[in-house]
Amino acid sequence: MRRLASLLLTVALTAAVLTGCGGAKPAATEAPKTETPKAEAPKAPETKVFQVGLTQIVEHPSLDTVRNGILEGLKEAGFEDGKQLRIDFQSAQGEMPIAQQIAQKFVSDKKDIIIALATPSAQAAAQATKEIPIIFGTVTDPVGAGLVNSLEKPGTNVTGTSDMTPVQEQLSLFAKLGTKVQKVGMIYNAGEANSVTTVEMAKEAAKGLNLTIVEATVANAGEVQQAAQSLIGRVDGLYLITDNTLAQGVQSVIALANQKGLPTISVEQSYVDQGALATYGFDYFEFGKLTGQLAAEVLKGKNPADLPVQTSKDLTLVINTKTAKAIGLEIPADVLKAAQQVEK
């Protein structure tokens, strides 16, 4: 009897459990919430950083001043090194083979533009590429150097700025400053087309000024002082041009000339700052800015072939009064008044 009762209770409980399971409604399952994706802000277009190769035949004050002017000219046009530009500066240390190696490396590095200071570096760059735009600076005779077809329409991947020297005006300073000069010494490297052109211009200008040009050629910077010594006793004054070989030893030439009482007329102010007597020439920093502005035009998309070679028309008379005193020269008051004076 007890067994039967126990069995009936078990059956009843099992039925109740099954009934409860079958009759209960399943809990409603909530659909997963989905978030509406936020619209991403449009990305600003990346600014191109131009790769610039800047090559200089040698480091000396006049070319260094031009280089600094170029950087300023580029900056004023919206192109700053470290921001819109990456400038790779290389000096050829006065050696043409090194200038050629630098130019070839710039080409293999696929620079966007090459800026070349002085005729040898410009020629090396032009020989290395006919595609990459080249902007030159301080090239006296771009046509004679084979860089452009004409100053007005270069017609190639090359253009730039020319510092065509006002030779006649500079040589006439000997007389204007009250010196008694008839024979003028010139030291230069005959391998530099820039210098050969200037010497030929000087010879032509000298004819109308009752002057005679006496040449002393050098092959490297080590020969500059010897060349200056060779002119002592043969000339009454020196005309110092922007020959890149001369520039490396020009301080010793100026010191010797001042010691011997010889007036020195230079083609630009950095020589006067180093002790030369006078110049009537360009402001090379401003000249560099002009070069940098021209490079900026090319970076903005203009074709070098269509951009005329630029020249500076602003000339300044600069006189080193300390040197004048040292060589015993009394400069006419009206000339001194019209000049920018330095005393270094």
C-alpha atoms as a PDB file:
ATOM      1  CA  MET A   1       0.000   0.000   0.000  1.00  0.00           C
ATOM      2  CA  ARG A   2       2.832   2.390   0.922  1.00  0.00           C
ATOM      3  CA  ARG A   3       4.631   1.489  -2.282  1.00  0.00           C
ATOM      4  CA  LEU A   4       1.586   2.291  -4.354  1.00  0.00           C
ATOM      5  CA  ALA A   5       1.121   5.653  -2.673  1.00  0.00           C
ATOM      6  CA  SER A   6       4.739   6.577  -3.295  1.00  0.00           C
ATOM      7  CA  LEU A   7       4.476   5.616  -6.931  1.00  0.00           C
ATOM      8  CA  LEU A   8       1.338   7.682  -7.444  1.00  0.00           C
ATOM      9  CA  LEU A   9       3.009  10.749  -5.868  1.00  0.00           C
ATOM     10  CA  THR A  10       6.013  10.450  -8.168  1.00  0.00           C
ATOM     11  CA  VAL A  11       3.789  10.209 -11.238  1.00  0.00           C
ATOM     12  CA  ALA A  12       1.815  13.276 -10.153  1.00  0.00           C
ATOM     13  CA  LEU A  13       4.918  15.378  -9.596  1.00  0.00           C
ATOM     14  CA  THR A  14       6.397  14.408 -12.950  1.00  0.00           C
ATOM     15  CA  ALA A  15       3.188  15.374 -14.727  1.00  0.00           C
ATOM     16  CA  ALA A  16       3.123  18.734 -13.009  1.00  0.00           C
ATOM     17  CA  VAL A  17       6.715  19.461 -14.063  1.00  0.00           C
ATOM     18  CA  LEU A  18       6.041  18.468 -17.678  1.00  0.00           C
ATOM     19  CA  THR A  19       2.875  20.555 -17.761  1.00  0.00           C
ATOM     20  CA  GLY A  20       4.702  23.597 -16.384  1.00  0.00           C
ATOM     21  CA  CYS A  21       7.519  23.259 -18.909  1.00  0.00           C
ATOM     22  CA  GLY A  22       5.233  22.824 -21.833  1.00  0.00           C
ATOM     23  CA  GLY A  23       2.851  25.625 -20.915  1.00  0.00           C
ATOM     24  CA  ALA A  24       5.291  28.349 -20.021  1.00  0.00           C
ATOM     25  CA  LYS A  25       5.900  30.973 -22.732  1.00  0.00           C
ATOM     26  CA  PRO A  26       9.533  31.521 -23.523  1.00  0.00           C
ATOM     27  CA  ALA A  27      10.956  34.885 -22.461  1.00  0.00           C
ATOM     28  CA  ALA A  28      11.144  37.362 -25.287  1.00  0.00           C
ATOM     29  CA  THR A  29      14.656  37.761 -26.622  1.00  0.00           C
ATOM     30  CA  GLU A  30      15.663  41.414 -27.189  1.00  0.00           C
ATOM     31  CA  ALA A  31      17.147  42.176 -30.569  1.00  0.00           C
ATOM     32  CA  PRO A  32      20.757  43.374 -30.277  1.00  0.00           C
ATOM     33  CA  LYS A  33      21.050  47.125 -30.432  1.00  0.00           C
ATOM     34  CA  THR A  34      22.946  48.484 -33.422  1.00  0.00           C
ATOM     35  CA  GLU A  35      24.601  51.903 -33.385  1.00  0.00           C
ATOM     36  CA  THR A  36      24.454  54.088 -36.433  1.00  0.00           C
ATOM     37  CA  PRO A  37      28.069  54.536 -37.575  1.00  0.00           C
ATOM     38  CA  LYS A  38      29.325  58.095 -37.194  1.00  0.00           C
ATOM     39  CA  ALA A  39      30.366  59.859 -40.377  1.00  0.00           C
ATOM     40  CA  GLU A  40      34.149  60.249 -40.484  1.00  0.00           C
ATOM     41  CA  ALA A  41      35.480  63.767 -40.953  1.00  0.00           C
ATOM     42  CA  PRO A  42      37.069  64.138 -44.394  1.00  0.00           C
ATOM     43  CA  LYS A  43      40.861  63.938 -44.266  1.00  0.00           C
ATOM     44  CA  ALA A  44      42.780  67.003 -45.330  1.00  0.00           C
ATOM     45  CA  PRO A  45      44.798  66.355 -48.480  1.00  0.00           C
ATOM     46  CA  GLU A  46      48.438  65.701 -47.722  1.00  0.00           C
ATOM     47  CA  THR A  47      50.751  68.545 -48.725  1.00  0.00           C
ATOM     48  CA  LYS A  48      53.511  67.457 -51.064  1.00  0.00           C
ATOM     49  CA  VAL A  49      57.002  67.832 -49.648  1.00  0.00           C
ATOM     50  CA  PHE A  50      59.364  68.710 -52.489  1.00  0.00           C
ATOM     51  CA  GLN A  51      62.819  67.125 -52.562  1.00  0.00           C
ATOM     52  CA  VAL A  52      65.372  69.799 -53.477  1.00  0.00           C
ATOM     53  CA  GLY A  53      68.996  69.236 -54.396  1.00  0.00           C
ATOM     54  CA  LEU A  54      71.100  72.353 -53.708  1.00  0.00           C
ATOM     55  CA  THR A  55      74.636  72.164 -55.089  1.00  0.00           C
ATOM     56  CA  GLN A  56      77.388  74.771 -54.769  1.00  0.00           C
ATOM     57  CA  ILE A  57      80.818  74.568 -56.417  1.00  0.00           C
ATOM     58  CA  VAL A  58      82.587  75.806 -53.271  1.00  0.00           C
ATOM     59  CA  GLU A  59      81.740  77.506 -50.001  1.00  0.00           C
ATOM     60  CA  HIS A  60      82.904  81.121 -49.816  1.00  0.00           C
ATOM     61  CA  PRO A  61      81.223  84.323 -48.570  1.00  0.00           C
ATOM     62  CA  SER A  62      79.635  85.490 -51.824  1.00  0.00           C
ATOM     63  CA  LEU A  63      78.107  82.117 -52.729  1.00  0.00           C
ATOM     64  CA  ASP A  64      77.086  81.483 -49.116  1.00  0.00           C
ATOM     65  CA  THR A  65      75.281  84.837 -49.140  1.00  0.00           C
ATOM     66  CA  VAL A  66      73.469  83.858 -52.339  1.00  0.00           C
ATOM     67  CA  ARG A  67      72.479  80.518 -50.798  1.00  0.00           C
ATOM     68  CA  ASN A  68      71.015  82.236 -47.724  1.00  0.00           C
ATOM     69  CA  GLY A  69      69.104  84.582 -50.023  1.00  0.00           C
ATOM     70  CA  ILE A  70      67.692  81.607 -51.932  1.00  0.00           C
ATOM     71  CA  LEU A  71      66.326  80.081 -48.726  1.00  0.00           C
ATOM     72  CA  GLU A  72      64.712  83.406 -47.831  1.00  0.00           C
ATOM     73  CA  GLY A  73      63.249  83.818 -51.324  1.00  0.00           C
ATOM     74  CA  LEU A  74      61.738  80.332 -51.183  1.00  0.00           C
ATOM     75  CA  LYS A  75      60.339  80.969 -47.702  1.00  0.00           C
ATOM     76  CA  GLU A  76      58.710  84.226 -48.770  1.00  0.00           C
ATOM     77  CA  ALA A  77      57.065  82.303 -51.625  1.00  0.00           C
ATOM     78  CA  GLY A  78      55.652  79.691 -49.218  1.00  0.00           C
ATOM     79  CA  PHE A  79      58.346  77.004 -49.425  1.00  0.00           C
ATOM     80  CA  GLU A  80      60.307  76.431 -46.222  1.00  0.00           C
ATOM     81  CA  ASP A  81      62.995  73.836 -45.571  1.00  0.00           C
ATOM     82  CA  GLY A  82      61.688  71.235 -43.122  1.00  0.00           C
ATOM     83  CA  LYS A  83      58.071  71.945 -44.045  1.00  0.00           C
ATOM     84  CA  GLN A  84      57.173  72.119 -47.738  1.00  0.00           C
ATOM     85  CA  LEU A  85      60.767  71.311 -48.738  1.00  0.00           C
ATOM     86  CA  ARG A  86      63.513  68.865 -47.874  1.00  0.00           C
ATOM     87  CA  ILE A  87      66.758  70.503 -49.004  1.00  0.00           C
ATOM     88  CA  ASP A  88      69.837  68.376 -49.569  1.00  0.00           C
ATOM     89  CA  PHE A  89      72.793  70.790 -49.660  1.00  0.00           C
ATOM     90  CA  GLN A  90      76.119  69.616 -51.085  1.00  0.00           C
ATOM     91  CA  SER A  91      79.376  71.495 -51.726  1.00  0.00           C
ATOM     92  CA  ALA A  92      81.745  70.316 -54.450  1.00  0.00           C
ATOM     93  CA  GLN A  93      84.722  71.769 -52.548  1.00  0.00           C
ATOM     94  CA  GLY A  94      85.941  73.497 -55.677  1.00  0.00           C
ATOM     95  CA  GLU A  95      86.290  70.244 -57.648  1.00  0.00           C
ATOM     96  CA  MET A  96      84.429  69.695 -60.924  1.00  0.00           C
ATOM     97  CA  PRO A  97      84.486  65.843 -60.630  1.00  0.00           C
ATOM     98  CA  ILE A  98      82.765  66.161 -57.244  1.00  0.00           C
ATOM     99  CA  ALA A  99      80.216  68.557 -58.737  1.00  0.00           C
ATOM    100  CA  GLN A 100      79.435  65.925 -61.376  1.00  0.00           C
ATOM    101  CA  GLN A 101      79.053  63.202 -58.731  1.00  0.00           C
ATOM    102  CA  ILE A 102      76.681  65.406 -56.723  1.00  0.00           C
ATOM    103  CA  ALA A 103      74.556  66.107 -59.798  1.00  0.00           C
ATOM    104  CA  GLN A 104      74.358  62.414 -60.706  1.00  0.00           C
ATOM    105  CA  LYS A 105      73.366  61.528 -57.130  1.00  0.00           C
ATOM    106  CA  PHE A 106      70.586  64.116 -57.201  1.00  0.00           C
ATOM    107  CA  VAL A 107      69.286  62.557 -60.416  1.00  0.00           C
ATOM    108  CA  SER A 108      69.377  59.008 -58.999  1.00  0.00           C
ATOM    109  CA  ASP A 109      67.600  60.303 -55.867  1.00  0.00           C
ATOM    110  CA  LYS A 110      64.871  61.680 -58.157  1.00  0.00           C
ATOM    111  CA  LYS A 111      64.917  65.197 -56.756  1.00  0.00           C
ATOM    112  CA  ASP A 112      61.967  67.376 -57.749  1.00  0.00           C
ATOM    113  CA  ILE A 113      64.262  70.301 -58.558  1.00  0.00           C
ATOM    114  CA  ILE A 114      67.994  71.069 -58.573  1.00  0.00           C
ATOM    115  CA  ILE A 115      69.371  74.491 -57.606  1.00  0.00           C
ATOM    116  CA  ALA A 116      72.974  74.996 -58.715  1.00  0.00           C
ATOM    117  CA  LEU A 117      75.224  77.853 -57.612  1.00  0.00           C
ATOM    118  CA  ALA A 118      78.038  78.989 -59.918  1.00  0.00           C
ATOM    119  CA  THR A 119      78.709  77.982 -63.511  1.00  0.00           C
ATOM    120  CA  PRO A 120      80.580  74.669 -62.903  1.00  0.00           C
ATOM    121  CA  SER A 121      77.822  73.257 -60.695  1.00  0.00           C
ATOM    122  CA  ALA A 122      75.140  74.420 -63.132  1.00  0.00           C
ATOM    123  CA  GLN A 123      76.955  72.781 -66.041  1.00  0.00           C
ATOM    124  CA  ALA A 124      77.352  69.532 -64.090  1.00  0.00           C
ATOM    125  CA  ALA A 125      73.633  69.468 -63.296  1.00  0.00           C
ATOM    126  CA  ALA A 126      72.639  70.255 -66.891  1.00  0.00           C
ATOM    127  CA  GLN A 127      74.843  67.432 -68.156  1.00  0.00           C
ATOM    128  CA  ALA A 128      73.318  64.985 -65.660  1.00  0.00           C
ATOM    129  CA  THR A 129      69.636  65.496 -66.532  1.00  0.00           C
ATOM    130  CA  LYS A 130      67.428  66.897 -69.247  1.00  0.00           C
ATOM    131  CA  GLU A 131      64.232  66.237 -67.285  1.00  0.00           C
ATOM    132  CA  ILE A 132      64.561  67.496 -63.701  1.00  0.00           C
ATOM    133  CA  PRO A 133      64.106  71.297 -63.557  1.00  0.00           C
ATOM    134  CA  ILE A 134      67.363  73.151 -62.817  1.00  0.00           C
ATOM    135  CA  ILE A 135      67.604  76.682 -61.419  1.00  0.00           C
ATOM    136  CA  PHE A 136      71.073  78.251 -61.488  1.00  0.00           C
ATOM    137  CA  GLY A 137      72.411  81.220 -59.590  1.00  0.00           C
ATOM    138  CA  THR A 138      75.455  83.495 -60.098  1.00  0.00           C
ATOM    139  CA  VAL A 139      76.157  82.410 -63.662  1.00  0.00           C
ATOM    140  CA  THR A 140      77.687  85.290 -65.621  1.00  0.00           C
ATOM    141  CA  ASP A 141      77.091  84.012 -69.157  1.00  0.00           C
ATOM    142  CA  PRO A 142      74.389  81.298 -69.248  1.00  0.00           C
ATOM    143  CA  VAL A 143      74.316  81.221 -73.045  1.00  0.00           C
ATOM    144  CA  GLY A 144      78.101  80.975 -73.400  1.00  0.00           C
ATOM    145  CA  ALA A 145      78.136  78.259 -70.722  1.00  0.00           C
ATOM    146  CA  GLY A 146      75.710  76.186 -72.815  1.00  0.00           C
ATOM    147  CA  LEU A 147      72.950  76.248 -70.207  1.00  0.00           C
ATOM    148  CA  VAL A 148      70.198  78.060 -72.126  1.00  0.00           C
ATOM    149  CA  ASN A 149      69.384  78.893 -75.728  1.00  0.00           C
ATOM    150  CA  SER A 150      68.767  82.544 -74.900  1.00  0.00           C
ATOM    151  CA  LEU A 151      68.197  84.717 -71.850  1.00  0.00           C
ATOM    152  CA  GLU A 152      64.650  85.570 -72.961  1.00  0.00           C
ATOM    153  CA  LYS A 153      63.561  81.993 -73.724  1.00  0.00           C
ATOM    154  CA  PRO A 154      65.843  79.330 -72.224  1.00  0.00           C
ATOM    155  CA  GLY A 155      64.160  76.511 -74.163  1.00  0.00           C
ATOM    156  CA  THR A 156      65.512  73.742 -71.901  1.00  0.00           C
ATOM    157  CA  ASN A 157      64.925  72.329 -68.405  1.00  0.00           C
ATOM    158  CA  VAL A 158      67.288  75.050 -67.137  1.00  0.00           C
ATOM    159  CA  THR A 159      66.813  78.691 -66.153  1.00  0.00           C
ATOM    160  CA  GLY A 160      68.056  80.944 -63.372  1.00  0.00           C
ATOM    161  CA  THR A 161      69.735  84.220 -62.529  1.00  0.00           C
ATOM    162  CA  SER A 162      72.752  85.848 -64.151  1.00  0.00           C
ATOM    163  CA  ASP A 163      75.168  88.135 -62.333  1.00  0.00           C
ATOM    164  CA  MET A 164      76.555  89.616 -65.515  1.00  0.00           C
ATOM    165  CA  THR A 165      79.222  91.902 -64.080  1.00  0.00           C
ATOM    166  CA  PRO A 166      79.077  95.651 -64.880  1.00  0.00           C
ATOM    167  CA  VAL A 167      82.770  95.475 -65.823  1.00  0.00           C
ATOM    168  CA  GLN A 168      83.151  98.927 -67.380  1.00  0.00           C
ATOM    169  CA  GLU A 169      81.548 100.691 -64.413  1.00  0.00           C
ATOM    170  CA  GLN A 170      83.733  98.751 -61.991  1.00  0.00           C
ATOM    171  CA  LEU A 171      86.990  99.394 -63.834  1.00  0.00           C
ATOM    172  CA  SER A 172      86.126 103.090 -64.057  1.00  0.00           C
ATOM    173  CA  LEU A 173      86.214 103.211 -60.243  1.00  0.00           C
ATOM    174  CA  PHE A 174      90.012 103.327 -60.320  1.00  0.00           C
ATOM    175  CA  ALA A 175      89.842 106.828 -61.809  1.00  0.00           C
ATOM    176  CA  LYS A 176      86.780 107.961 -59.842  1.00  0.00           C
ATOM    177  CA  LEU A 177      88.431 107.059 -56.541  1.00  0.00           C
ATOM    178  CA  GLY A 178      91.497 109.123 -57.404  1.00  0.00           C
ATOM    179  CA  THR A 179      93.959 106.271 -57.957  1.00  0.00           C
ATOM    180  CA  LYS A 180      96.759 106.433 -60.521  1.00  0.00           C
ATOM    181  CA  VAL A 181      96.264 103.060 -62.161  1.00  0.00           C
ATOM    182  CA  GLN A 182      97.219 102.082 -65.691  1.00  0.00           C
ATOM    183  CA  LYS A 183      97.929  98.360 -65.409  1.00  0.00           C
ATOM    184  CA  VAL A 184      95.294  96.184 -63.741  1.00  0.00           C
ATOM    185  CA  GLY A 185      96.019  92.647 -62.566  1.00  0.00           C
ATOM    186  CA  MET A 186      93.400  89.882 -62.787  1.00  0.00           C
ATOM    187  CA  ILE A 187      93.727  86.444 -61.174  1.00  0.00           C
ATOM    188  CA  TYR A 188      91.423  83.709 -62.473  1.00  0.00           C
ATOM    189  CA  ASN A 189      91.027  80.038 -63.355  1.00  0.00           C
ATOM    190  CA  ALA A 190      91.047  79.679 -67.147  1.00  0.00           C
ATOM    191  CA  GLY A 191      88.967  76.518 -66.730  1.00  0.00           C
ATOM    192  CA  GLU A 192      85.967  78.521 -65.496  1.00  0.00           C
ATOM    193  CA  ALA A 193      83.816  79.762 -68.372  1.00  0.00           C
ATOM    194  CA  ASN A 194      82.360  82.397 -66.071  1.00  0.00           C
ATOM    195  CA  SER A 195      85.806  83.898 -65.445  1.00  0.00           C
ATOM    196  CA  VAL A 196      86.997  83.736 -69.041  1.00  0.00           C
ATOM    197  CA  THR A 197      83.934  85.740 -70.099  1.00  0.00           C
ATOM    198  CA  THR A 198      84.615  88.383 -67.435  1.00  0.00           C
ATOM    199  CA  VAL A 199      88.279  88.713 -68.429  1.00  0.00           C
ATOM    200  CA  GLU A 200      87.349  89.190 -72.075  1.00  0.00           C
ATOM    201  CA  MET A 201      84.820  91.841 -71.086  1.00  0.00           C
ATOM    202  CA  ALA A 202      87.476  93.554 -68.961  1.00  0.00           C
ATOM    203  CA  LYS A 203      89.938  93.637 -71.837  1.00  0.00           C
ATOM    204  CA  GLU A 204      87.329  95.243 -74.071  1.00  0.00           C
ATOM    205  CA  ALA A 205      86.278  97.789 -71.444  1.00  0.00           C
ATOM    206  CA  ALA A 206      89.905  98.635 -70.626  1.00  0.00           C
ATOM    207  CA  LYS A 207      90.484  99.949 -74.124  1.00  0.00           C
ATOM    208  CA  GLY A 208      88.191 102.910 -73.552  1.00  0.00           C
ATOM    209  CA  LEU A 209      89.546 103.591 -70.057  1.00  0.00           C
ATOM    210  CA  ASN A 210      93.269 103.761 -70.944  1.00  0.00           C
ATOM    211  CA  LEU A 211      93.888 100.633 -68.868  1.00  0.00           C
ATOM    212  CA  THR A 212      95.835  97.470 -69.620  1.00  0.00           C
ATOM    213  CA  ILE A 213      94.787  94.081 -68.230  1.00  0.00           C
ATOM    214  CA  VAL A 214      97.590  91.851 -66.929  1.00  0.00           C
ATOM    215  CA  GLU A 215      96.492  88.236 -66.425  1.00  0.00           C
ATOM    216  CA  ALA A 216      97.621  85.624 -63.909  1.00  0.00           C
ATOM    217  CA  THR A 217      95.927  82.232 -64.256  1.00  0.00           C
ATOM    218  CA  VAL A 218      95.609  79.560 -61.586  1.00  0.00           C
ATOM    219  CA  ALA A 219      94.506  75.926 -61.631  1.00  0.00           C
ATOM    220  CA  ASN A 220      93.653  75.558 -57.952  1.00  0.00           C
ATOM    221  CA  ALA A 221      93.349  77.530 -54.721  1.00  0.00           C
ATOM    222  CA  GLY A 222      96.913  76.667 -53.732  1.00  0.00           C
ATOM    223  CA  GLU A 223      98.243  78.774 -56.621  1.00  0.00           C
ATOM    224  CA  VAL A 224      96.328  81.970 -55.803  1.00  0.00           C
ATOM    225  CA  GLN A 225      98.869  83.590 -53.488  1.00  0.00           C
ATOM    226  CA  GLN A 226     101.728  82.766 -55.849  1.00  0.00           C
ATOM    227  CA  ALA A 227      99.783  84.379 -58.701  1.00  0.00           C
ATOM    228  CA  ALA A 228      99.289  87.506 -56.613  1.00  0.00           C
ATOM    229  CA  GLN A 229     103.009  87.647 -55.844  1.00  0.00           C
ATOM    230  CA  SER A 230     103.777  87.370 -59.560  1.00  0.00           C
ATOM    231  CA  LEU A 231     101.786  90.542 -60.237  1.00  0.00           C
ATOM    232  CA  ILE A 232     103.633  92.705 -57.709  1.00  0.00           C
ATOM    233  CA  GLY A 233     105.777  95.245 -59.572  1.00  0.00           C
ATOM    234  CA  ARG A 234     103.906  94.602 -62.812  1.00  0.00           C
ATOM    235  CA  VAL A 235     100.539  96.235 -62.008  1.00  0.00           C
ATOM    236  CA  ASP A 236      99.199  99.376 -60.313  1.00  0.00           C
ATOM    237  CA  GLY A 237      95.992  97.801 -59.009  1.00  0.00           C
ATOM    238  CA  LEU A 238      93.932  94.587 -58.904  1.00  0.00           C
ATOM    239  CA  TYR A 239      90.476  93.772 -60.235  1.00  0.00           C
ATOM    240  CA  LEU A 240      89.037  90.886 -58.179  1.00  0.00           C
ATOM    241  CA  ILE A 241      86.289  88.911 -59.905  1.00  0.00           C
ATOM    242  CA  THR A 242      83.926  86.182 -58.686  1.00  0.00           C
ATOM    243  CA  ASP A 243      86.203  83.396 -59.847  1.00  0.00           C
ATOM    244  CA  ASN A 244      85.523  80.408 -57.581  1.00  0.00           C
ATOM    245  CA  THR A 245      89.196  79.456 -57.349  1.00  0.00           C
ATOM    246  CA  LEU A 246      90.284  83.008 -56.551  1.00  0.00           C
ATOM    247  CA  ALA A 247      87.541  83.288 -53.916  1.00  0.00           C
ATOM    248  CA  GLN A 248      89.131  80.510 -51.862  1.00  0.00           C
ATOM    249  CA  GLY A 249      92.331  82.534 -51.419  1.00  0.00           C
ATOM    250  CA  VAL A 250      91.142  86.083 -51.902  1.00  0.00           C
ATOM    251  CA  GLN A 251      91.932  87.173 -48.340  1.00  0.00           C
ATOM    252  CA  SER A 252      95.640  86.570 -48.886  1.00  0.00           C
ATOM    253  CA  VAL A 253      95.488  88.531 -52.168  1.00  0.00           C
ATOM    254  CA  ILE A 254      93.763  91.493 -50.500  1.00  0.00           C
ATOM    255  CA  ALA A 255      96.225  91.473 -47.597  1.00  0.00           C
ATOM    256  CA  LEU A 256      99.195  91.498 -49.985  1.00  0.00           C
ATOM    257  CA  ALA A 257      97.706  94.292 -52.114  1.00  0.00           C
ATOM    258  CA  ASN A 258      97.019  96.456 -49.062  1.00  0.00           C
ATOM    259  CA  GLN A 259     100.532  95.841 -47.799  1.00  0.00           C
ATOM    260  CA  LYS A 260     101.971  96.974 -51.132  1.00  0.00           C
ATOM    261  CA  GLY A 261      99.616  99.968 -51.396  1.00  0.00           C
ATOM    262  CA  LEU A 262      97.742  98.621 -54.435  1.00  0.00           C
ATOM    263  CA  PRO A 263      94.057  99.592 -54.788  1.00  0.00           C
ATOM    264  CA  THR A 264      91.704  96.644 -55.228  1.00  0.00           C
ATOM    265  CA  ILE A 265      88.364  96.925 -57.013  1.00  0.00           C
ATOM    266  CA  SER A 266      86.096  93.907 -56.555  1.00  0.00           C
ATOM    267  CA  VAL A 267      82.960  92.742 -58.273  1.00  0.00           C
ATOM    268  CA  GLU A 268      80.934  92.329 -55.070  1.00  0.00           C
ATOM    269  CA  GLN A 269      80.710  93.420 -51.470  1.00  0.00           C
ATOM    270  CA  SER A 270      81.973  90.344 -49.620  1.00  0.00           C
ATOM    271  CA  TYR A 271      85.482  91.130 -50.906  1.00  0.00           C
ATOM    272  CA  VAL A 272      85.161  94.707 -49.644  1.00  0.00           C
ATOM    273  CA  ASP A 273      84.098  93.351 -46.269  1.00  0.00           C
ATOM    274  CA  GLN A 274      87.347  91.364 -46.305  1.00  0.00           C
ATOM    275  CA  GLY A 275      89.449  94.456 -47.011  1.00  0.00           C
ATOM    276  CA  ALA A 276      89.239  95.230 -50.724  1.00  0.00           C
ATOM    277  CA  LEU A 277      88.995  98.956 -51.494  1.00  0.00           C
ATOM    278  CA  ALA A 278      85.661  99.239 -53.300  1.00  0.00           C
ATOM    279  CA  THR A 279      82.988  97.710 -55.472  1.00  0.00           C
ATOM    280  CA  TYR A 280      80.085  98.810 -57.594  1.00  0.00           C
ATOM    281  CA  GLY A 281      77.955  95.732 -57.693  1.00  0.00           C
ATOM    282  CA  PHE A 282      75.006  93.613 -56.639  1.00  0.00           C
ATOM    283  CA  ASP A 283      73.586  92.894 -53.229  1.00  0.00           C
ATOM    284  CA  TYR A 284      74.158  89.151 -53.380  1.00  0.00           C
ATOM    285  CA  PHE A 285      71.574  88.358 -50.695  1.00  0.00           C
ATOM    286  CA  GLU A 286      68.882  90.075 -52.733  1.00  0.00           C
ATOM    287  CA  PHE A 287      70.264  88.333 -55.792  1.00  0.00           C
ATOM    288  CA  GLY A 288      69.805  85.009 -53.982  1.00  0.00           C
ATOM    289  CA  LYS A 289      66.215  85.910 -53.099  1.00  0.00           C
ATOM    290  CA  LEU A 290      65.540  86.499 -56.793  1.00  0.00           C
ATOM    291  CA  THR A 291      66.919  83.024 -57.524  1.00  0.00           C
ATOM    292  CA  GLY A 292      64.753  81.478 -54.803  1.00  0.00           C
ATOM    293  CA  GLN A 293      61.630  83.189 -56.131  1.00  0.00           C
ATOM    294  CA  LEU A 294      62.342  81.799 -59.592  1.00  0.00           C
ATOM    295  CA  ALA A 295      62.712  78.298 -58.113  1.00  0.00           C
ATOM    296  CA  ALA A 296      59.359  78.767 -56.367  1.00  0.00           C
ATOM    297  CA  GLU A 297      57.704  79.527 -59.706  1.00  0.00           C
ATOM    298  CA  VAL A 298      58.918  76.177 -61.018  1.00  0.00           C
ATOM    299  CA  LEU A 299      57.740  74.357 -57.883  1.00  0.00           C
ATOM    300  CA  LYS A 300      54.306  75.866 -58.513  1.00  0.00           C
ATOM    301  CA  GLY A 301      54.239  74.270 -61.944  1.00  0.00           C
ATOM    302  CA  LYS A 302      55.844  76.630 -64.404  1.00  0.00           C
ATOM    303  CA  ASN A 303      58.163  75.307 -67.106  1.00  0.00           C
ATOM    304  CA  PRO A 304      61.816  76.468 -66.870  1.00  0.00           C
ATOM    305  CA  ALA A 305      61.969  76.569 -70.659  1.00  0.00           C
ATOM    306  CA  ASP A 306      59.503  79.466 -70.638  1.00  0.00           C
ATOM    307  CA  LEU A 307      60.960  81.464 -67.736  1.00  0.00           C
ATOM    308  CA  PRO A 308      63.464  84.152 -68.811  1.00  0.00           C
ATOM    309  CA  VAL A 309      66.820  84.304 -67.068  1.00  0.00           C
ATOM    310  CA  GLN A 310      66.651  87.045 -64.432  1.00  0.00           C
ATOM    311  CA  THR A 311      69.263  89.724 -63.765  1.00  0.00           C
ATOM    312  CA  SER A 312      69.539  92.249 -60.953  1.00  0.00           C
ATOM    313  CA  LYS A 313      69.637  95.921 -61.892  1.00  0.00           C
ATOM    314  CA  ASP A 314      70.298  97.261 -58.397  1.00  0.00           C
ATOM    315  CA  LEU A 315      73.954  98.261 -58.063  1.00  0.00           C
ATOM    316  CA  THR A 316      75.552  99.833 -55.006  1.00  0.00           C
ATOM    317  CA  LEU A 317      78.869 101.667 -54.577  1.00  0.00           C
ATOM    318  CA  VAL A 318      80.611 100.373 -51.457  1.00  0.00           C
ATOM    319  CA  ILE A 319      83.927 101.769 -50.183  1.00  0.00           C
ATOM    320  CA  ASN A 320      86.133 100.411 -47.404  1.00  0.00           C
ATOM    321  CA  THR A 321      87.379 103.606 -45.765  1.00  0.00           C
ATOM    322  CA  LYS A 322      89.798 101.734 -43.520  1.00  0.00           C
ATOM    323  CA  THR A 323      91.538 100.286 -46.571  1.00  0.00           C
ATOM    324  CA  ALA A 324      91.636 103.693 -48.259  1.00  0.00           C
ATOM    325  CA  LYS A 325      93.496 105.093 -45.269  1.00  0.00           C
ATOM    326  CA  ALA A 326      95.827 102.090 -45.120  1.00  0.00           C
ATOM    327  CA  ILE A 327      97.001 102.564 -48.720  1.00  0.00           C
ATOM    328  CA  GLY A 328      97.178 106.351 -48.403  1.00  0.00           C
ATOM    329  CA  LEU A 329      94.282 107.145 -50.708  1.00  0.00           C
ATOM    330  CA  GLU A 330      92.118 110.229 -50.248  1.00  0.00           C
ATOM    331  CA  ILE A 331      88.778 109.561 -51.878  1.00  0.00           C
ATOM    332  CA  PRO A 332      86.954 112.551 -53.426  1.00  0.00           C
ATOM    333  CA  ALA A 333      84.274 113.862 -51.055  1.00  0.00           C
ATOM    334  CA  ASP A 334      81.419 113.640 -53.584  1.00  0.00           C
ATOM    335  CA  VAL A 335      82.217 109.996 -54.347  1.00  0.00           C
ATOM    336  CA  LEU A 336      82.484 109.136 -50.664  1.00  0.00           C
ATOM    337  CA  LYS A 337      79.168 110.821 -49.952  1.00  0.00           C
ATOM    338  CA  ALA A 338      77.399 108.780 -52.621  1.00  0.00           C
ATOM    339  CA  ALA A 339      78.787 105.476 -51.339  1.00  0.00           C
ATOM    340  CA  GLN A 340      77.857 102.985 -48.685  1.00  0.00           C
ATOM    341  CA  GLN A 341      80.854 102.968 -46.357  1.00  0.00           C
ATOM    342  CA  VAL A 342      82.366 100.063 -44.452  1.00  0.00           C
ATOM    343  CA  GLU A 343      85.332 100.114 -42.132  1.00  0.00           C
ATOM    344  CA  LYS A 344      86.590  96.626 -41.423  1.00  0.00           C
END
